[in-house]
Amino acid sequence: MATSRHSVPMSRETVDMICAALPGAHWASHHEGGLDAWKVGDKMFACIGIANDGVSVKCADVDSAQFLIEIGAATKAKYFHRSWVRIPFDGKDASEMQDRILTSYKIIRASLPKKLQATLAPTPSAD
């Protein structure tokens, strides 16, 4: 992926750069609800709310999400299923965020119809 593994402060621009590099990813604005989302197919894998201070991502399961919350790596993503967490921009660097976004992308991509998955370029690995 285009993001380096060095300590880079997180921002909306960094999230957008990470997401835009993923095969089939596209940005969708839901301006009335105050949410901006990154999707693959028609399914969201990353969401930035109106506060613009973090990104919500999907975890493999509720236990994985709870673990990230317990160790202080994430907070509960309000209004989302418990398998989603919010990763605040403060104190995070690009490599941590890239890993969480890539995990979310892979989970959501795997849930797409096989026919659609076959049209996408291979998923990048997390260097």
N, C-alpha and C. Protein backbone atom coordinates (compact mmCIF):
# COMPACT_ATOMS: atom_id res chain seq x y z
N MET A 1 0.85 -1.18 0.00
CA MET A 1 0.00 0.00 0.00
C MET A 1 0.88 1.23 0.00
N ALA A 2 0.29 2.35 -0.29
CA ALA A 2 1.05 3.58 -0.46
C ALA A 2 1.52 4.19 0.85
N THR A 3 0.97 3.78 1.97
CA THR A 3 1.31 4.38 3.25
C THR A 3 2.58 3.74 3.80
N SER A 4 3.49 4.55 4.33
CA SER A 4 4.71 3.99 4.90
C SER A 4 4.43 3.47 6.31
N ARG A 5 5.34 2.67 6.82
CA ARG A 5 5.18 2.08 8.14
C ARG A 5 5.80 2.96 9.23
N HIS A 6 6.21 4.15 8.86
CA HIS A 6 6.79 5.07 9.84
C HIS A 6 5.69 5.77 10.61
N SER A 7 6.06 6.37 11.72
CA SER A 7 5.10 7.06 12.56
C SER A 7 4.62 8.34 11.88
N VAL A 8 3.40 8.28 11.37
CA VAL A 8 2.78 9.42 10.70
C VAL A 8 1.52 9.74 11.49
N PRO A 9 1.31 10.99 11.88
CA PRO A 9 0.09 11.32 12.62
C PRO A 9 -1.15 11.03 11.77
N MET A 10 -2.19 10.57 12.42
CA MET A 10 -3.42 10.25 11.71
C MET A 10 -4.25 11.49 11.46
N SER A 11 -4.94 11.46 10.34
CA SER A 11 -5.85 12.54 9.98
C SER A 11 -6.86 11.98 8.99
N ARG A 12 -7.85 12.76 8.68
CA ARG A 12 -8.84 12.37 7.68
C ARG A 12 -8.15 12.09 6.35
N GLU A 13 -7.18 12.92 6.00
CA GLU A 13 -6.47 12.75 4.73
C GLU A 13 -5.73 11.42 4.68
N THR A 14 -5.14 11.01 5.80
CA THR A 14 -4.43 9.74 5.85
C THR A 14 -5.40 8.57 5.69
N VAL A 15 -6.54 8.64 6.36
CA VAL A 15 -7.57 7.60 6.23
C VAL A 15 -8.03 7.52 4.79
N ASP A 16 -8.30 8.66 4.18
CA ASP A 16 -8.75 8.68 2.79
C ASP A 16 -7.69 8.05 1.87
N MET A 17 -6.43 8.35 2.10
CA MET A 17 -5.36 7.79 1.28
C MET A 17 -5.29 6.27 1.42
N ILE A 18 -5.40 5.78 2.65
CA ILE A 18 -5.36 4.33 2.90
C ILE A 18 -6.54 3.65 2.21
N CYS A 19 -7.72 4.20 2.39
CA CYS A 19 -8.94 3.59 1.82
C CYS A 19 -8.93 3.64 0.31
N ALA A 20 -8.52 4.76 -0.26
CA ALA A 20 -8.55 4.92 -1.72
C ALA A 20 -7.63 3.93 -2.43
N ALA A 21 -6.62 3.44 -1.74
CA ALA A 21 -5.67 2.50 -2.34
C ALA A 21 -6.20 1.07 -2.40
N LEU A 22 -7.33 0.81 -1.77
CA LEU A 22 -7.87 -0.56 -1.72
C LEU A 22 -8.71 -0.85 -2.97
N PRO A 23 -8.55 -2.05 -3.55
CA PRO A 23 -9.27 -2.39 -4.78
C PRO A 23 -10.79 -2.30 -4.63
N GLY A 24 -11.40 -1.55 -5.53
CA GLY A 24 -12.86 -1.42 -5.53
C GLY A 24 -13.42 -0.48 -4.50
N ALA A 25 -12.58 0.15 -3.69
CA ALA A 25 -13.06 1.06 -2.65
C ALA A 25 -13.53 2.36 -3.28
N HIS A 26 -14.63 2.88 -2.74
CA HIS A 26 -15.13 4.17 -3.19
C HIS A 26 -15.71 4.93 -2.00
N TRP A 27 -15.64 6.23 -2.11
CA TRP A 27 -16.10 7.13 -1.05
C TRP A 27 -17.56 7.45 -1.28
N ALA A 28 -18.33 7.45 -0.20
CA ALA A 28 -19.75 7.78 -0.28
C ALA A 28 -20.08 8.75 0.84
N SER A 29 -20.63 9.90 0.48
CA SER A 29 -21.01 10.89 1.47
C SER A 29 -22.48 10.75 1.80
N HIS A 30 -22.77 10.72 3.05
CA HIS A 30 -24.15 10.70 3.53
C HIS A 30 -24.37 12.00 4.27
N HIS A 31 -24.34 13.10 3.57
CA HIS A 31 -24.32 14.44 4.17
C HIS A 31 -25.49 14.71 5.10
N GLU A 32 -26.63 14.15 4.84
CA GLU A 32 -27.77 14.43 5.71
C GLU A 32 -27.59 13.79 7.08
N GLY A 33 -26.91 12.65 7.13
CA GLY A 33 -26.68 11.96 8.39
C GLY A 33 -25.36 12.34 9.03
N GLY A 34 -24.55 13.15 8.36
CA GLY A 34 -23.28 13.57 8.91
C GLY A 34 -22.19 12.53 8.83
N LEU A 35 -22.38 11.49 8.01
CA LEU A 35 -21.39 10.43 7.91
C LEU A 35 -20.75 10.41 6.54
N ASP A 36 -19.46 10.21 6.51
CA ASP A 36 -18.75 9.92 5.27
C ASP A 36 -18.25 8.50 5.40
N ALA A 37 -18.43 7.72 4.36
CA ALA A 37 -18.08 6.31 4.44
C ALA A 37 -17.24 5.88 3.25
N TRP A 38 -16.42 4.90 3.49
CA TRP A 38 -15.70 4.21 2.43
C TRP A 38 -16.37 2.85 2.28
N LYS A 39 -16.66 2.49 1.03
CA LYS A 39 -17.35 1.24 0.76
C LYS A 39 -16.59 0.41 -0.27
N VAL A 40 -16.85 -0.89 -0.22
CA VAL A 40 -16.46 -1.80 -1.29
C VAL A 40 -17.75 -2.50 -1.68
N GLY A 41 -18.05 -2.52 -2.98
CA GLY A 41 -19.38 -2.93 -3.39
C GLY A 41 -20.35 -1.91 -2.81
N ASP A 42 -21.41 -2.39 -2.20
CA ASP A 42 -22.35 -1.45 -1.57
C ASP A 42 -22.27 -1.50 -0.05
N LYS A 43 -21.17 -2.05 0.47
CA LYS A 43 -21.03 -2.24 1.92
C LYS A 43 -19.90 -1.38 2.49
N MET A 44 -20.20 -0.74 3.60
CA MET A 44 -19.25 0.15 4.27
C MET A 44 -18.19 -0.64 5.03
N PHE A 45 -16.91 -0.19 4.91
CA PHE A 45 -15.84 -0.77 5.72
C PHE A 45 -15.14 0.26 6.59
N ALA A 46 -15.37 1.54 6.36
CA ALA A 46 -14.80 2.59 7.19
C ALA A 46 -15.75 3.78 7.18
N CYS A 47 -15.92 4.40 8.35
CA CYS A 47 -16.87 5.50 8.47
C CYS A 47 -16.26 6.61 9.33
N ILE A 48 -16.35 7.83 8.82
CA ILE A 48 -15.87 8.99 9.56
C ILE A 48 -17.07 9.87 9.84
N GLY A 49 -17.34 10.10 11.11
CA GLY A 49 -18.51 10.87 11.50
C GLY A 49 -18.31 12.37 11.38
N ILE A 50 -19.31 13.10 11.79
CA ILE A 50 -19.31 14.55 11.66
C ILE A 50 -18.21 15.21 12.50
N ALA A 51 -17.80 14.57 13.60
CA ALA A 51 -16.75 15.14 14.45
C ALA A 51 -15.38 15.10 13.77
N ASN A 52 -15.22 14.21 12.77
CA ASN A 52 -13.98 14.13 12.00
C ASN A 52 -12.75 13.92 12.88
N ASP A 53 -12.90 13.09 13.94
CA ASP A 53 -11.80 12.88 14.87
C ASP A 53 -11.39 11.41 15.00
N GLY A 54 -11.90 10.57 14.12
CA GLY A 54 -11.57 9.15 14.15
C GLY A 54 -12.32 8.42 13.07
N VAL A 55 -12.08 7.12 12.99
CA VAL A 55 -12.72 6.30 11.98
C VAL A 55 -13.29 5.05 12.64
N SER A 56 -14.49 4.66 12.23
CA SER A 56 -15.12 3.44 12.72
C SER A 56 -14.85 2.33 11.71
N VAL A 57 -14.46 1.16 12.23
CA VAL A 57 -14.12 0.02 11.38
C VAL A 57 -14.72 -1.26 11.95
N LYS A 58 -14.90 -2.24 11.10
CA LYS A 58 -15.46 -3.53 11.48
C LYS A 58 -14.35 -4.44 11.99
N CYS A 59 -14.67 -5.20 13.03
CA CYS A 59 -13.77 -6.22 13.55
C CYS A 59 -14.32 -7.60 13.16
N ALA A 60 -13.51 -8.61 13.32
CA ALA A 60 -13.92 -9.96 12.95
C ALA A 60 -15.15 -10.42 13.74
N ASP A 61 -15.25 -9.99 14.99
CA ASP A 61 -16.36 -10.40 15.84
C ASP A 61 -16.45 -9.48 17.05
N VAL A 62 -17.47 -9.68 17.85
CA VAL A 62 -17.68 -8.84 19.03
C VAL A 62 -16.52 -8.97 20.02
N ASP A 63 -16.00 -10.19 20.19
CA ASP A 63 -14.88 -10.39 21.13
C ASP A 63 -13.64 -9.60 20.71
N SER A 64 -13.34 -9.60 19.41
CA SER A 64 -12.19 -8.83 18.92
C SER A 64 -12.38 -7.34 19.16
N ALA A 65 -13.58 -6.86 18.92
CA ALA A 65 -13.88 -5.45 19.17
C ALA A 65 -13.73 -5.12 20.65
N GLN A 66 -14.27 -5.97 21.49
CA GLN A 66 -14.20 -5.76 22.93
C GLN A 66 -12.75 -5.75 23.42
N PHE A 67 -11.93 -6.63 22.85
CA PHE A 67 -10.51 -6.67 23.22
C PHE A 67 -9.84 -5.34 22.88
N LEU A 68 -10.07 -4.81 21.69
CA LEU A 68 -9.46 -3.53 21.31
C LEU A 68 -9.91 -2.40 22.24
N ILE A 69 -11.17 -2.45 22.65
CA ILE A 69 -11.68 -1.44 23.59
C ILE A 69 -11.00 -1.59 24.95
N GLU A 70 -10.89 -2.83 25.42
CA GLU A 70 -10.29 -3.07 26.75
C GLU A 70 -8.83 -2.66 26.82
N ILE A 71 -8.08 -2.83 25.73
CA ILE A 71 -6.66 -2.46 25.77
C ILE A 71 -6.44 -0.98 25.44
N GLY A 72 -7.53 -0.25 25.19
CA GLY A 72 -7.43 1.18 24.93
C GLY A 72 -7.06 1.54 23.50
N ALA A 73 -7.11 0.57 22.59
CA ALA A 73 -6.78 0.84 21.19
C ALA A 73 -7.97 1.40 20.43
N ALA A 74 -9.17 1.30 21.01
CA ALA A 74 -10.38 1.75 20.33
C ALA A 74 -11.45 2.07 21.37
N THR A 75 -12.51 2.67 20.90
CA THR A 75 -13.69 2.92 21.73
C THR A 75 -14.89 2.30 21.03
N LYS A 76 -15.99 2.21 21.75
CA LYS A 76 -17.22 1.68 21.15
C LYS A 76 -17.66 2.64 20.05
N ALA A 77 -18.03 2.09 18.92
CA ALA A 77 -18.54 2.91 17.82
C ALA A 77 -20.04 3.12 18.04
N LYS A 78 -20.39 4.33 18.42
CA LYS A 78 -21.80 4.64 18.70
C LYS A 78 -22.66 4.34 17.48
N TYR A 79 -23.83 3.80 17.74
CA TYR A 79 -24.85 3.53 16.72
C TYR A 79 -24.50 2.38 15.78
N PHE A 80 -23.36 1.72 16.00
CA PHE A 80 -22.96 0.59 15.16
C PHE A 80 -23.12 -0.71 15.94
N HIS A 81 -23.13 -1.81 15.23
CA HIS A 81 -23.13 -3.13 15.86
C HIS A 81 -21.89 -3.25 16.74
N ARG A 82 -21.95 -4.08 17.74
CA ARG A 82 -20.83 -4.23 18.68
C ARG A 82 -19.56 -4.79 18.06
N SER A 83 -19.62 -5.26 16.83
CA SER A 83 -18.42 -5.74 16.15
C SER A 83 -17.66 -4.59 15.46
N TRP A 84 -18.16 -3.38 15.61
CA TRP A 84 -17.49 -2.19 15.08
C TRP A 84 -16.86 -1.41 16.22
N VAL A 85 -15.71 -0.80 15.96
CA VAL A 85 -15.04 0.06 16.93
C VAL A 85 -14.67 1.38 16.28
N ARG A 86 -14.44 2.37 17.11
CA ARG A 86 -13.99 3.69 16.64
C ARG A 86 -12.53 3.85 17.04
N ILE A 87 -11.71 4.13 16.06
CA ILE A 87 -10.28 4.36 16.30
C ILE A 87 -10.06 5.87 16.23
N PRO A 88 -9.76 6.50 17.38
CA PRO A 88 -9.55 7.95 17.36
C PRO A 88 -8.24 8.31 16.67
N PHE A 89 -8.20 9.47 16.04
CA PHE A 89 -6.98 9.91 15.38
C PHE A 89 -5.88 10.22 16.39
N ASP A 90 -6.22 10.76 17.56
CA ASP A 90 -5.22 11.13 18.56
C ASP A 90 -4.42 9.91 19.00
N GLY A 91 -3.12 10.04 18.96
CA GLY A 91 -2.25 9.00 19.48
C GLY A 91 -2.06 7.80 18.57
N LYS A 92 -2.64 7.80 17.38
CA LYS A 92 -2.49 6.69 16.46
C LYS A 92 -1.58 7.10 15.32
N ASP A 93 -0.82 6.13 14.81
CA ASP A 93 -0.04 6.44 13.62
C ASP A 93 -0.59 5.65 12.44
N ALA A 94 -0.10 5.96 11.27
CA ALA A 94 -0.67 5.39 10.05
C ALA A 94 -0.59 3.87 10.00
N SER A 95 0.45 3.27 10.52
CA SER A 95 0.56 1.81 10.43
C SER A 95 -0.52 1.11 11.27
N GLU A 96 -0.82 1.63 12.46
CA GLU A 96 -1.90 1.07 13.27
C GLU A 96 -3.24 1.20 12.57
N MET A 97 -3.50 2.40 12.05
CA MET A 97 -4.76 2.66 11.38
C MET A 97 -4.87 1.84 10.10
N GLN A 98 -3.78 1.73 9.36
CA GLN A 98 -3.79 0.95 8.13
C GLN A 98 -4.16 -0.50 8.42
N ASP A 99 -3.61 -1.07 9.47
CA ASP A 99 -3.92 -2.46 9.84
C ASP A 99 -5.40 -2.63 10.16
N ARG A 100 -5.98 -1.70 10.92
CA ARG A 100 -7.40 -1.80 11.29
C ARG A 100 -8.30 -1.62 10.07
N ILE A 101 -7.97 -0.65 9.22
CA ILE A 101 -8.77 -0.41 8.01
C ILE A 101 -8.67 -1.61 7.07
N LEU A 102 -7.48 -2.15 6.88
CA LEU A 102 -7.30 -3.31 6.01
C LEU A 102 -8.07 -4.52 6.53
N THR A 103 -8.06 -4.73 7.83
CA THR A 103 -8.83 -5.84 8.42
C THR A 103 -10.32 -5.64 8.15
N SER A 104 -10.82 -4.44 8.37
CA SER A 104 -12.23 -4.15 8.13
C SER A 104 -12.57 -4.37 6.65
N TYR A 105 -11.73 -3.87 5.78
CA TYR A 105 -11.95 -4.03 4.33
C TYR A 105 -12.04 -5.52 3.96
N LYS A 106 -11.10 -6.31 4.46
CA LYS A 106 -11.09 -7.74 4.13
C LYS A 106 -12.35 -8.45 4.62
N ILE A 107 -12.81 -8.10 5.82
CA ILE A 107 -14.04 -8.70 6.36
C ILE A 107 -15.23 -8.36 5.48
N ILE A 108 -15.36 -7.09 5.14
CA ILE A 108 -16.49 -6.65 4.32
C ILE A 108 -16.38 -7.21 2.91
N ARG A 109 -15.22 -7.18 2.34
CA ARG A 109 -15.02 -7.71 0.98
C ARG A 109 -15.41 -9.19 0.92
N ALA A 110 -15.04 -9.94 1.93
CA ALA A 110 -15.35 -11.38 1.96
C ALA A 110 -16.85 -11.64 2.04
N SER A 111 -17.63 -10.65 2.48
CA SER A 111 -19.08 -10.82 2.59
C SER A 111 -19.81 -10.46 1.29
N LEU A 112 -19.08 -9.92 0.32
CA LEU A 112 -19.69 -9.57 -0.96
C LEU A 112 -19.98 -10.83 -1.77
N PRO A 113 -20.90 -10.75 -2.72
CA PRO A 113 -21.15 -11.90 -3.59
C PRO A 113 -19.86 -12.32 -4.31
N LYS A 114 -19.66 -13.62 -4.47
CA LYS A 114 -18.44 -14.15 -5.09
C LYS A 114 -18.20 -13.56 -6.47
N LYS A 115 -19.26 -13.35 -7.23
CA LYS A 115 -19.15 -12.79 -8.57
C LYS A 115 -18.52 -11.40 -8.53
N LEU A 116 -18.94 -10.58 -7.56
CA LEU A 116 -18.38 -9.24 -7.41
C LEU A 116 -16.94 -9.32 -6.91
N GLN A 117 -16.68 -10.19 -5.95
CA GLN A 117 -15.31 -10.35 -5.44
C GLN A 117 -14.34 -10.68 -6.57
N ALA A 118 -14.78 -11.51 -7.51
CA ALA A 118 -13.93 -11.94 -8.62
C ALA A 118 -13.53 -10.80 -9.54
N THR A 119 -14.30 -9.71 -9.54
CA THR A 119 -13.99 -8.57 -10.41
C THR A 119 -12.97 -7.62 -9.79
N LEU A 120 -12.67 -7.80 -8.51
CA LEU A 120 -11.75 -6.89 -7.80
C LEU A 120 -10.31 -7.39 -7.87
N ALA A 121 -9.39 -6.47 -7.92
CA ALA A 121 -7.97 -6.82 -7.87
C ALA A 121 -7.67 -7.49 -6.53
N PRO A 122 -6.59 -8.25 -6.44
CA PRO A 122 -6.26 -8.91 -5.17
C PRO A 122 -6.12 -7.90 -4.02
N THR A 123 -6.47 -8.36 -2.83
CA THR A 123 -6.34 -7.54 -1.64
C THR A 123 -4.86 -7.38 -1.29
N PRO A 124 -4.41 -6.16 -1.03
CA PRO A 124 -3.02 -5.96 -0.65
C PRO A 124 -2.75 -6.54 0.74
N SER A 125 -1.50 -6.88 0.98
CA SER A 125 -1.15 -7.36 2.32
C SER A 125 -0.66 -6.17 3.14
N ALA A 126 -0.70 -6.35 4.46
CA ALA A 126 -0.23 -5.29 5.36
C ALA A 126 1.26 -5.47 5.57
N ASP A 127 2.05 -4.96 4.68
CA ASP A 127 3.53 -5.05 4.69
C ASP A 127 4.09 -5.52 5.98
